[in-house]
């Protein structure tokens, strides 16, 4: 179990703000495929296991997670 402090949350938000100006992150977020996957994840969290089975989608989602744009869990 992870304990998230306000500093951790602020750090994640700051990281996400910086990521939003990254052209690679912008391209990933504009991708229709990724938009559909993100929509599926919002509606059905179990869809994550299916999404991560595709190596290309998994790589892009992992970049979004690492950037702070996407939070899983």
N, C-alpha and C. Protein backbone atom coordinates (compact mmCIF):
# COMPACT_ATOMS: atom_id res chain seq x y z
N UNK A 1 0.84 -1.17 0.00
CA UNK A 1 0.00 0.00 0.00
C UNK A 1 0.89 1.23 0.00
N UNK A 2 0.61 2.16 -0.90
CA UNK A 2 1.39 3.38 -1.00
C UNK A 2 0.65 4.52 -0.31
N UNK A 3 1.41 5.32 0.38
CA UNK A 3 0.84 6.51 1.01
C UNK A 3 1.24 7.70 0.15
N UNK A 4 0.25 8.43 -0.32
CA UNK A 4 0.50 9.59 -1.17
C UNK A 4 0.38 10.85 -0.32
N UNK A 5 1.47 11.57 -0.23
CA UNK A 5 1.45 12.82 0.52
C UNK A 5 1.08 13.95 -0.43
N UNK A 6 0.78 15.11 0.13
CA UNK A 6 0.44 16.25 -0.72
C UNK A 6 1.62 16.63 -1.61
N UNK A 7 2.85 16.47 -1.12
CA UNK A 7 4.03 16.76 -1.94
C UNK A 7 4.12 15.83 -3.13
N UNK A 8 3.78 14.54 -2.93
CA UNK A 8 3.78 13.57 -4.02
C UNK A 8 2.75 13.98 -5.06
N UNK A 9 1.57 14.37 -4.60
CA UNK A 9 0.51 14.76 -5.51
C UNK A 9 0.90 16.01 -6.29
N UNK A 10 1.50 16.96 -5.60
CA UNK A 10 1.96 18.18 -6.27
C UNK A 10 3.04 17.85 -7.30
N UNK A 11 3.92 16.94 -6.96
CA UNK A 11 4.98 16.52 -7.88
C UNK A 11 4.41 15.85 -9.12
N UNK A 12 3.39 15.01 -8.94
CA UNK A 12 2.74 14.35 -10.07
C UNK A 12 2.07 15.39 -10.96
N UNK A 13 1.40 16.34 -10.36
CA UNK A 13 0.73 17.38 -11.13
C UNK A 13 1.73 18.22 -11.91
N UNK A 14 2.83 18.54 -11.29
CA UNK A 14 3.88 19.32 -11.96
C UNK A 14 4.46 18.53 -13.14
N UNK A 15 4.73 17.26 -12.92
CA UNK A 15 5.25 16.39 -13.98
C UNK A 15 4.27 16.32 -15.14
N UNK A 16 2.98 16.21 -14.83
CA UNK A 16 1.94 16.15 -15.87
C UNK A 16 1.89 17.46 -16.66
N UNK A 17 2.04 18.59 -15.97
CA UNK A 17 2.03 19.89 -16.66
C UNK A 17 3.19 19.99 -17.65
N UNK A 18 4.36 19.53 -17.23
CA UNK A 18 5.52 19.54 -18.12
C UNK A 18 5.31 18.59 -19.28
N UNK A 19 4.70 17.46 -19.02
CA UNK A 19 4.49 16.46 -20.08
C UNK A 19 3.54 16.97 -21.15
N UNK A 20 2.59 17.81 -20.75
CA UNK A 20 1.60 18.29 -21.71
C UNK A 20 2.23 19.15 -22.82
N UNK A 21 3.43 19.67 -22.61
CA UNK A 21 4.09 20.44 -23.66
C UNK A 21 5.07 19.59 -24.46
N UNK A 22 5.22 18.34 -24.10
CA UNK A 22 6.10 17.41 -24.81
C UNK A 22 5.40 16.97 -26.10
N UNK A 23 6.02 17.21 -27.26
CA UNK A 23 5.38 16.84 -28.54
C UNK A 23 5.04 15.35 -28.63
N UNK A 24 5.87 14.49 -28.05
CA UNK A 24 5.60 13.06 -28.10
C UNK A 24 4.34 12.72 -27.30
N UNK A 25 4.21 13.30 -26.12
CA UNK A 25 3.02 13.07 -25.28
C UNK A 25 1.79 13.64 -25.98
N UNK A 26 1.91 14.81 -26.58
CA UNK A 26 0.79 15.40 -27.30
C UNK A 26 0.34 14.49 -28.44
N UNK A 27 1.30 13.93 -29.18
CA UNK A 27 0.96 13.03 -30.29
C UNK A 27 0.26 11.77 -29.78
N UNK A 28 0.74 11.23 -28.68
CA UNK A 28 0.10 10.03 -28.10
C UNK A 28 -1.34 10.36 -27.72
N UNK A 29 -1.54 11.49 -27.05
CA UNK A 29 -2.88 11.85 -26.60
C UNK A 29 -3.83 12.16 -27.76
N UNK A 30 -3.30 12.61 -28.89
CA UNK A 30 -4.14 12.92 -30.05
C UNK A 30 -4.48 11.69 -30.88
N UNK A 31 -3.79 10.59 -30.63
CA UNK A 31 -4.03 9.37 -31.39
C UNK A 31 -5.45 8.85 -31.15
N UNK A 32 -6.22 8.63 -32.21
CA UNK A 32 -7.58 8.10 -32.03
C UNK A 32 -7.60 6.76 -31.30
N UNK A 33 -6.60 5.94 -31.56
CA UNK A 33 -6.54 4.62 -30.89
C UNK A 33 -6.37 4.82 -29.39
N UNK A 34 -5.45 5.68 -29.00
CA UNK A 34 -5.21 5.92 -27.58
C UNK A 34 -6.42 6.60 -26.94
N UNK A 35 -7.06 7.51 -27.65
CA UNK A 35 -8.27 8.14 -27.13
C UNK A 35 -9.34 7.09 -26.84
N UNK A 36 -9.50 6.13 -27.74
CA UNK A 36 -10.47 5.05 -27.52
C UNK A 36 -10.08 4.19 -26.32
N UNK A 37 -8.78 3.89 -26.20
CA UNK A 37 -8.31 3.08 -25.07
C UNK A 37 -8.56 3.82 -23.76
N UNK A 38 -8.23 5.11 -23.73
CA UNK A 38 -8.44 5.90 -22.50
C UNK A 38 -9.92 5.97 -22.15
N UNK A 39 -10.76 6.10 -23.14
CA UNK A 39 -12.21 6.09 -22.90
C UNK A 39 -12.65 4.73 -22.33
N UNK A 40 -12.13 3.66 -22.92
CA UNK A 40 -12.45 2.31 -22.42
C UNK A 40 -12.00 2.15 -20.97
N UNK A 41 -10.81 2.67 -20.66
CA UNK A 41 -10.28 2.55 -19.29
C UNK A 41 -11.15 3.30 -18.29
N UNK A 42 -11.70 4.44 -18.70
CA UNK A 42 -12.57 5.19 -17.81
C UNK A 42 -13.87 4.44 -17.55
N UNK A 43 -14.38 3.80 -18.56
CA UNK A 43 -15.66 3.11 -18.45
C UNK A 43 -15.53 1.71 -17.87
N UNK A 44 -14.38 1.08 -18.09
CA UNK A 44 -14.19 -0.30 -17.62
C UNK A 44 -12.72 -0.49 -17.25
N UNK A 45 -12.37 -0.32 -15.98
CA UNK A 45 -10.98 -0.47 -15.57
C UNK A 45 -10.37 -1.83 -15.92
N UNK A 46 -11.21 -2.83 -16.08
CA UNK A 46 -10.71 -4.16 -16.46
C UNK A 46 -10.17 -4.17 -17.88
N UNK A 47 -10.48 -3.15 -18.67
CA UNK A 47 -10.00 -3.05 -20.04
C UNK A 47 -8.48 -2.85 -20.08
N UNK A 48 -7.89 -2.48 -18.97
CA UNK A 48 -6.44 -2.26 -18.93
C UNK A 48 -5.68 -3.52 -19.30
N UNK A 49 -6.11 -4.65 -18.80
CA UNK A 49 -5.38 -5.88 -19.10
C UNK A 49 -5.39 -6.16 -20.61
N UNK A 50 -6.48 -5.89 -21.26
CA UNK A 50 -6.56 -6.08 -22.71
C UNK A 50 -5.67 -5.07 -23.43
N UNK A 51 -5.71 -3.83 -23.00
CA UNK A 51 -4.92 -2.78 -23.64
C UNK A 51 -3.43 -3.08 -23.53
N UNK A 52 -2.98 -3.57 -22.38
CA UNK A 52 -1.57 -3.83 -22.17
C UNK A 52 -1.08 -5.09 -22.88
N UNK A 53 -1.98 -5.84 -23.48
CA UNK A 53 -1.57 -7.00 -24.27
C UNK A 53 -1.00 -6.58 -25.62
N UNK A 54 -1.38 -5.41 -26.09
CA UNK A 54 -0.86 -4.88 -27.35
C UNK A 54 0.43 -4.12 -27.03
N UNK A 55 1.58 -4.58 -27.56
CA UNK A 55 2.85 -3.95 -27.18
C UNK A 55 2.95 -2.47 -27.55
N UNK A 56 2.37 -2.06 -28.66
CA UNK A 56 2.44 -0.65 -29.08
C UNK A 56 1.60 0.21 -28.14
N UNK A 57 0.40 -0.24 -27.84
CA UNK A 57 -0.47 0.50 -26.92
C UNK A 57 0.13 0.51 -25.53
N UNK A 58 0.66 -0.62 -25.09
CA UNK A 58 1.29 -0.71 -23.77
C UNK A 58 2.43 0.28 -23.65
N UNK A 59 3.26 0.40 -24.68
CA UNK A 59 4.38 1.34 -24.66
C UNK A 59 3.87 2.78 -24.52
N UNK A 60 2.84 3.12 -25.26
CA UNK A 60 2.30 4.48 -25.20
C UNK A 60 1.64 4.76 -23.85
N UNK A 61 0.90 3.79 -23.33
CA UNK A 61 0.28 3.98 -22.02
C UNK A 61 1.34 4.12 -20.94
N UNK A 62 2.40 3.33 -21.03
CA UNK A 62 3.48 3.43 -20.05
C UNK A 62 4.15 4.79 -20.10
N UNK A 63 4.26 5.39 -21.29
CA UNK A 63 4.82 6.74 -21.40
C UNK A 63 3.89 7.74 -20.72
N UNK A 64 2.58 7.55 -20.89
CA UNK A 64 1.63 8.45 -20.24
C UNK A 64 1.68 8.29 -18.72
N UNK A 65 1.85 7.07 -18.26
CA UNK A 65 1.96 6.81 -16.82
C UNK A 65 3.24 7.44 -16.28
N UNK A 66 4.36 7.23 -16.97
CA UNK A 66 5.65 7.77 -16.52
C UNK A 66 5.63 9.30 -16.50
N UNK A 67 4.87 9.89 -17.41
CA UNK A 67 4.82 11.35 -17.49
C UNK A 67 3.91 11.96 -16.43
N UNK A 68 3.08 11.14 -15.82
CA UNK A 68 2.14 11.65 -14.82
C UNK A 68 0.78 11.99 -15.41
N UNK A 69 0.61 11.82 -16.71
CA UNK A 69 -0.67 12.11 -17.37
C UNK A 69 -1.72 11.08 -16.98
N UNK A 70 -1.31 9.83 -16.94
CA UNK A 70 -2.23 8.73 -16.65
C UNK A 70 -1.83 8.08 -15.34
N UNK A 71 -2.81 7.87 -14.48
CA UNK A 71 -2.56 7.18 -13.20
C UNK A 71 -3.40 5.92 -13.16
N UNK A 72 -2.75 4.84 -12.85
CA UNK A 72 -3.43 3.55 -12.75
C UNK A 72 -3.51 3.16 -11.28
N UNK A 73 -4.60 2.48 -10.95
CA UNK A 73 -4.68 1.95 -9.61
C UNK A 73 -5.66 2.56 -8.72
